[in-house]
Amino acid sequence: TAPPAGEGLLKMKDLCDATGLPRQAIHFYIQQGLLPPGRKTGRNMAFYGEEHVARLRLIKKLQHERFLPLKAIRALLDDQESQFS
C-alpha cells in the first residue's frame, strides 16, 4: 500500500537511508521507548514521518557528541515531550 498522498512518509529502508542507522537499531529504539512506532499499514509494514527522522538524528547526536547512554537520552526525550503536552 502507498502512503497517503502529500504526507512525506517513509518506509523503513528510506528511514535507514535518511538517518544512516541500521534497521535493527531503529527497531531497538522503538522497543526501548526512544522512538514512537511507525504508522502500521500491514503486519510487517509501517510508514515513518519527518518526526521519526528528526528524533533519530537527535538520538544519534546525543550518543555520539555528548556520549550519553540511552537511559539518559530517554529521560531527556521524556522531559521534552512532557513540556509539550
Protein backbone atom coordinates (compact mmCIF):
# COMPACT_ATOMS: atom_id res chain seq x y z
CA THR A 1 0.00 0.00 0.00
CA ALA A 2 1.13 3.51 -0.78
CA PRO A 3 1.36 6.19 1.92
CA PRO A 4 -1.34 8.87 1.99
CA ALA A 5 -0.53 11.48 -0.65
CA GLY A 6 1.43 14.54 0.39
CA GLU A 7 2.42 13.33 3.85
CA GLY A 8 6.05 12.55 3.01
CA LEU A 9 6.01 9.20 4.77
CA LEU A 10 8.99 6.86 4.56
CA LYS A 11 9.37 3.10 4.51
CA MET A 12 11.92 1.54 6.88
CA LYS A 13 14.53 1.36 4.10
CA ASP A 14 14.10 5.09 3.40
CA LEU A 15 14.28 5.86 7.13
CA CYS A 16 17.57 3.93 7.34
CA ASP A 17 18.91 5.84 4.33
CA ALA A 18 17.82 9.20 5.76
CA THR A 19 19.40 8.61 9.18
CA GLY A 20 22.34 6.34 8.40
CA LEU A 21 21.12 3.89 11.05
CA PRO A 22 20.58 0.16 10.52
CA ARG A 23 17.08 -1.29 10.74
CA GLN A 24 18.00 -3.23 13.90
CA ALA A 25 18.99 -0.02 15.70
CA ILE A 26 15.72 1.69 14.77
CA HIS A 27 13.69 -1.30 15.96
CA PHE A 28 15.70 -1.32 19.19
CA TYR A 29 14.96 2.39 19.79
CA ILE A 30 11.24 1.69 19.25
CA GLN A 31 11.39 -1.24 21.72
CA GLN A 32 13.19 0.95 24.28
CA GLY A 33 10.58 3.70 24.01
CA LEU A 34 13.01 6.22 22.48
CA LEU A 35 11.10 6.38 19.20
CA PRO A 36 7.36 6.06 18.58
CA PRO A 37 6.38 3.17 16.30
CA GLY A 38 5.59 3.90 12.67
CA ARG A 39 2.09 4.02 11.24
CA LYS A 40 1.27 0.36 10.60
CA THR A 41 -0.18 -0.45 7.19
CA GLY A 42 0.13 -4.21 7.42
CA ARG A 43 1.50 -7.00 9.56
CA ASN A 44 5.12 -6.15 8.73
CA MET A 45 4.84 -2.77 7.04
CA ALA A 46 4.87 0.72 8.55
CA PHE A 47 5.47 4.27 7.43
CA TYR A 48 7.56 6.83 9.27
CA GLY A 49 7.35 10.61 9.17
CA GLU A 50 9.73 13.52 9.42
CA GLU A 51 9.36 13.46 13.23
CA HIS A 52 10.95 9.98 13.22
CA VAL A 53 13.89 11.25 11.17
CA ALA A 54 14.35 14.25 13.49
CA ARG A 55 14.13 12.07 16.63
CA LEU A 56 16.63 9.54 15.29
CA ARG A 57 19.08 12.27 14.33
CA LEU A 58 18.76 13.74 17.83
CA ILE A 59 19.36 10.34 19.47
CA LYS A 60 22.41 9.79 17.26
CA LYS A 61 23.74 13.27 18.04
CA LEU A 62 23.29 12.83 21.81
CA GLN A 63 25.03 9.44 21.67
CA HIS A 64 27.98 10.49 19.54
CA GLU A 65 28.58 14.11 20.54
CA ARG A 66 27.58 14.07 24.20
CA PHE A 67 28.34 10.37 24.84
CA LEU A 68 25.02 9.96 26.67
CA PRO A 69 23.74 6.45 27.42
CA LEU A 70 20.29 5.50 26.11
CA LYS A 71 18.80 5.73 29.62
CA ALA A 72 19.82 9.41 29.85
CA ILE A 73 18.59 10.08 26.32
CA ARG A 74 15.20 8.54 27.15
CA ALA A 75 14.93 10.77 30.24
CA LEU A 76 15.75 13.85 28.13
CA LEU A 77 13.19 12.90 25.48
CA ASP A 78 10.53 12.19 28.12
CA ASP A 79 11.16 15.61 29.67
CA GLN A 80 10.94 17.24 26.26
CA GLU A 81 7.62 15.52 25.50
CA SER A 82 6.10 16.38 28.86
CA GLN A 83 6.86 20.07 28.26
CA PHE A 84 4.83 20.00 25.05
CA SER A 85 1.84 18.02 26.31
